[in-house]
């Protein structure tokens, strides 16, 4: 995974993440599952842990 932080304008910061995989690429079903799970872990669970 690669995390990138950038200015969100004002006082905010934007977090972008990229899932880095090697060849051969996972099938679309598995890739969708990985994206959904990582999105949940990074966005929802992280915000919850900080009380937001």
Protein backbone atom coordinates (compact mmCIF):
# COMPACT_ATOMS: atom_id res chain seq x y z
CA UNK A 1 0.00 0.00 0.00
CA UNK A 2 1.06 3.53 -0.66
CA UNK A 3 -0.40 6.43 1.28
CA UNK A 4 -0.24 9.96 -0.10
CA UNK A 5 -1.14 13.09 1.85
CA UNK A 6 -1.95 16.39 0.17
CA UNK A 7 -3.40 19.74 1.09
CA UNK A 8 -7.17 19.65 1.12
CA UNK A 9 -7.53 23.39 1.11
CA UNK A 10 -8.13 25.32 4.27
CA UNK A 11 -7.01 23.40 7.34
CA UNK A 12 -7.75 19.94 5.91
CA UNK A 13 -5.55 17.18 4.56
CA UNK A 14 -6.52 14.62 1.92
CA UNK A 15 -5.46 11.00 2.26
CA UNK A 16 -5.17 8.91 -0.89
CA UNK A 17 -4.17 5.28 -0.83
CA UNK A 18 -3.15 2.90 -3.57
CA UNK A 19 -3.15 -0.86 -3.46
CA UNK A 20 0.05 -2.07 -5.09
CA UNK A 21 -0.13 -5.56 -6.58
CA UNK A 22 2.24 -7.59 -8.72
CA UNK A 23 1.53 -9.52 -11.88
CA UNK A 24 -0.60 -11.47 -12.41
CA UNK A 25 -3.34 -9.15 -11.26
CA UNK A 26 -6.06 -10.63 -9.03
CA UNK A 27 -9.35 -11.39 -10.75
CA UNK A 28 -11.88 -8.52 -10.63
CA UNK A 29 -13.96 -10.17 -7.90
CA UNK A 30 -11.01 -10.52 -5.52
CA UNK A 31 -9.74 -7.05 -6.37
CA UNK A 32 -13.15 -5.56 -5.56
CA UNK A 33 -13.21 -7.43 -2.25
CA UNK A 34 -9.73 -6.16 -1.33
CA UNK A 35 -10.64 -2.57 -2.20
CA UNK A 36 -13.83 -2.70 -0.16
CA UNK A 37 -12.12 -4.24 2.87
CA UNK A 38 -9.19 -1.83 2.80
CA UNK A 39 -11.55 1.12 2.39
CA UNK A 40 -13.43 -0.05 5.50
CA UNK A 41 -10.24 -0.50 7.51
CA UNK A 42 -8.64 2.77 6.46
CA UNK A 43 -11.59 5.12 6.30
CA UNK A 44 -14.32 3.90 8.65
CA UNK A 45 -12.34 2.10 11.34
CA UNK A 46 -9.60 4.74 11.50
CA UNK A 47 -12.10 7.58 11.89
CA UNK A 48 -13.96 5.62 14.55
CA UNK A 49 -10.75 5.06 16.51
CA UNK A 50 -10.26 8.86 16.65
CA UNK A 51 -13.88 9.50 17.62
CA UNK A 52 -14.96 11.13 14.36
